[in-house]
Amino acid sequence: MEESEINPDIQEKVESLADNAREQDINNADKKNTELNFKNDSVFKRVLENGFDGITTNPNYKLLALLIILLINLSLFFLVGNLGKSFLKNSGLLG
C-alpha cells in the first residue's frame, strides 16, 4: 500500500497524537520555566517585595515569631518596672 492510499481516519489519529505530544512538550517547558523562576526567587527579593511578613507562608513560623516578640515585650516590661520601682525606693517616694 502506498502512502497516498493511507486511511484518512488513521492519518487524523496520527496527526492528533503528534499535536498532543507537541502540547505536552510546551506544557513541560512552561512548568520548567516556572520552577526555575521559583528557585531564582531569593529571600532578599521576597523581603523587598513582601516585607518581613512575606518571608514564609508557614503559619507555624509566624506564630513562633509572634511568641518570641511577645516574650521579649514581657521581659522588657518587667525590666522597666523593676528599674522604676528601685528608682522610687531610692528616692524615698516608695515606702
C-alpha atoms as a PDB file:
ATOM      1  CA  MET A   1       0.000   0.000   0.000  1.00  0.00           C
ATOM      2  CA  GLU A   2       1.372   3.420  -0.909  1.00  0.00           C
ATOM      3  CA  GLU A   3       1.415   6.467   1.362  1.00  0.00           C
ATOM      4  CA  SER A   4      -1.211   8.209  -0.714  1.00  0.00           C
ATOM      5  CA  GLU A   5      -3.645   5.367  -0.040  1.00  0.00           C
ATOM      6  CA  ILE A   6      -3.485   5.651   3.821  1.00  0.00           C
ATOM      7  CA  ASN A   7      -6.830   5.557   5.529  1.00  0.00           C
ATOM      8  CA  PRO A   8      -7.871   9.163   6.401  1.00  0.00           C
ATOM      9  CA  ASP A   9      -9.077   8.102   9.873  1.00  0.00           C
ATOM     10  CA  ILE A  10      -5.691   6.671  10.739  1.00  0.00           C
ATOM     11  CA  GLN A  11      -3.939   9.733   9.376  1.00  0.00           C
ATOM     12  CA  GLU A  12      -6.122  12.012  11.544  1.00  0.00           C
ATOM     13  CA  LYS A  13      -5.336   9.928  14.622  1.00  0.00           C
ATOM     14  CA  VAL A  14      -1.609  10.153  13.935  1.00  0.00           C
ATOM     15  CA  GLU A  15      -1.838  13.918  13.454  1.00  0.00           C
ATOM     16  CA  SER A  16      -3.837  14.350  16.663  1.00  0.00           C
ATOM     17  CA  LEU A  17      -1.291  12.266  18.585  1.00  0.00           C
ATOM     18  CA  ALA A  18       1.501  14.428  17.196  1.00  0.00           C
ATOM     19  CA  ASP A  19      -0.392  17.590  18.227  1.00  0.00           C
ATOM     20  CA  ASN A  20      -0.917  16.196  21.728  1.00  0.00           C
ATOM     21  CA  ALA A  21       2.794  15.423  22.004  1.00  0.00           C
ATOM     22  CA  ARG A  22       3.649  18.995  20.962  1.00  0.00           C
ATOM     23  CA  GLU A  23       1.212  20.416  23.547  1.00  0.00           C
ATOM     24  CA  GLN A  24       2.713  18.225  26.263  1.00  0.00           C
ATOM     25  CA  ASP A  25       6.202  19.424  25.342  1.00  0.00           C
ATOM     26  CA  ILE A  26       5.024  23.042  25.571  1.00  0.00           C
ATOM     27  CA  ASN A  27       3.365  22.372  28.954  1.00  0.00           C
ATOM     28  CA  ASN A  28       6.514  20.688  30.265  1.00  0.00           C
ATOM     29  CA  ALA A  29       8.626  23.646  29.122  1.00  0.00           C
ATOM     30  CA  ASP A  30       6.238  26.060  30.884  1.00  0.00           C
ATOM     31  CA  LYS A  31       6.440  24.008  34.093  1.00  0.00           C
ATOM     32  CA  LYS A  32      10.240  24.019  33.960  1.00  0.00           C
ATOM     33  CA  ASN A  33      10.276  27.798  33.454  1.00  0.00           C
ATOM     34  CA  THR A  34       8.011  28.370  36.452  1.00  0.00           C
ATOM     35  CA  GLU A  35      10.155  26.039  38.589  1.00  0.00           C
ATOM     36  CA  LEU A  36      13.301  27.927  37.579  1.00  0.00           C
ATOM     37  CA  ASN A  37      11.657  31.258  38.371  1.00  0.00           C
ATOM     38  CA  PHE A  38      10.589  29.906  41.768  1.00  0.00           C
ATOM     39  CA  LYS A  39      14.112  28.692  42.526  1.00  0.00           C
ATOM     40  CA  ASN A  40      15.626  32.026  41.455  1.00  0.00           C
ATOM     41  CA  ASP A  41      13.352  33.893  43.871  1.00  0.00           C
ATOM     42  CA  SER A  42      15.694  34.656  46.748  1.00  0.00           C
ATOM     43  CA  VAL A  43      14.892  35.562  50.346  1.00  0.00           C
ATOM     44  CA  PHE A  44      16.219  39.073  49.694  1.00  0.00           C
ATOM     45  CA  LYS A  45      13.769  39.581  46.811  1.00  0.00           C
ATOM     46  CA  ARG A  46      10.880  38.254  48.862  1.00  0.00           C
ATOM     47  CA  VAL A  47      11.735  40.622  51.727  1.00  0.00           C
ATOM     48  CA  LEU A  48      11.903  43.563  49.325  1.00  0.00           C
ATOM     49  CA  GLU A  49       8.602  42.682  47.654  1.00  0.00           C
ATOM     50  CA  ASN A  50       6.542  41.413  50.584  1.00  0.00           C
ATOM     51  CA  GLY A  51       8.234  42.774  53.689  1.00  0.00           C
ATOM     52  CA  PHE A  52       9.257  40.641  56.628  1.00  0.00           C
ATOM     53  CA  ASP A  53       5.817  39.050  56.956  1.00  0.00           C
ATOM     54  CA  GLY A  54       6.052  37.635  53.439  1.00  0.00           C
ATOM     55  CA  ILE A  55       9.140  35.538  54.047  1.00  0.00           C
ATOM     56  CA  THR A  56       7.187  32.436  54.913  1.00  0.00           C
ATOM     57  CA  THR A  57       3.710  31.139  54.278  1.00  0.00           C
ATOM     58  CA  ASN A  58       4.012  28.599  57.082  1.00  0.00           C
ATOM     59  CA  PRO A  59       1.677  29.737  59.879  1.00  0.00           C
ATOM     60  CA  ASN A  60       3.682  27.838  62.496  1.00  0.00           C
ATOM     61  CA  TYR A  61       6.718  30.038  61.867  1.00  0.00           C
ATOM     62  CA  LYS A  62       4.565  33.147  62.073  1.00  0.00           C
ATOM     63  CA  LEU A  63       3.140  32.013  65.410  1.00  0.00           C
ATOM     64  CA  LEU A  64       6.633  31.243  66.670  1.00  0.00           C
ATOM     65  CA  ALA A  65       7.818  34.722  65.693  1.00  0.00           C
ATOM     66  CA  LEU A  66       4.798  36.260  67.422  1.00  0.00           C
ATOM     67  CA  LEU A  67       5.506  34.263  70.587  1.00  0.00           C
ATOM     68  CA  ILE A  68       9.129  35.398  70.630  1.00  0.00           C
ATOM     69  CA  ILE A  69       8.114  39.036  70.153  1.00  0.00           C
ATOM     70  CA  LEU A  70       5.578  38.796  72.979  1.00  0.00           C
ATOM     71  CA  LEU A  71       8.126  37.222  75.337  1.00  0.00           C
ATOM     72  CA  ILE A  72      10.633  39.979  74.572  1.00  0.00           C
ATOM     73  CA  ASN A  73       7.975  42.626  75.251  1.00  0.00           C
ATOM     74  CA  LEU A  74       7.031  40.984  78.535  1.00  0.00           C
ATOM     75  CA  SER A  75      10.681  40.810  79.610  1.00  0.00           C
ATOM     76  CA  LEU A  76      11.192  44.484  78.793  1.00  0.00           C
ATOM     77  CA  PHE A  77       8.035  45.378  80.708  1.00  0.00           C
ATOM     78  CA  PHE A  78       9.319  43.670  83.876  1.00  0.00           C
ATOM     79  CA  LEU A  79      12.805  45.156  83.445  1.00  0.00           C
ATOM     80  CA  VAL A  80      11.484  48.708  83.143  1.00  0.00           C
ATOM     81  CA  GLY A  81       9.071  48.095  86.013  1.00  0.00           C
ATOM     82  CA  ASN A  82      11.852  46.900  88.316  1.00  0.00           C
ATOM     83  CA  LEU A  83      14.077  49.838  87.352  1.00  0.00           C
ATOM     84  CA  GLY A  84      11.250  52.245  88.104  1.00  0.00           C
ATOM     85  CA  LYS A  85      10.470  50.533  91.393  1.00  0.00           C
ATOM     86  CA  SER A  86      14.092  50.682  92.527  1.00  0.00           C
ATOM     87  CA  PHE A  87      14.310  54.353  91.485  1.00  0.00           C
ATOM     88  CA  LEU A  88      11.223  55.212  93.531  1.00  0.00           C
ATOM     89  CA  LYS A  89      12.550  53.302  96.565  1.00  0.00           C
ATOM     90  CA  ASN A  90      15.914  55.049  96.379  1.00  0.00           C
ATOM     91  CA  SER A  91      14.298  58.460  96.072  1.00  0.00           C
ATOM     92  CA  GLY A  92      12.149  57.851  99.123  1.00  0.00           C
ATOM     93  CA  LEU A  93       8.813  58.184  97.315  1.00  0.00           C
ATOM     94  CA  LEU A  94       8.002  54.493  97.646  1.00  0.00           C
ATOM     95  CA  GLY A  95       7.916  53.061 101.177  1.00  0.00           C
END
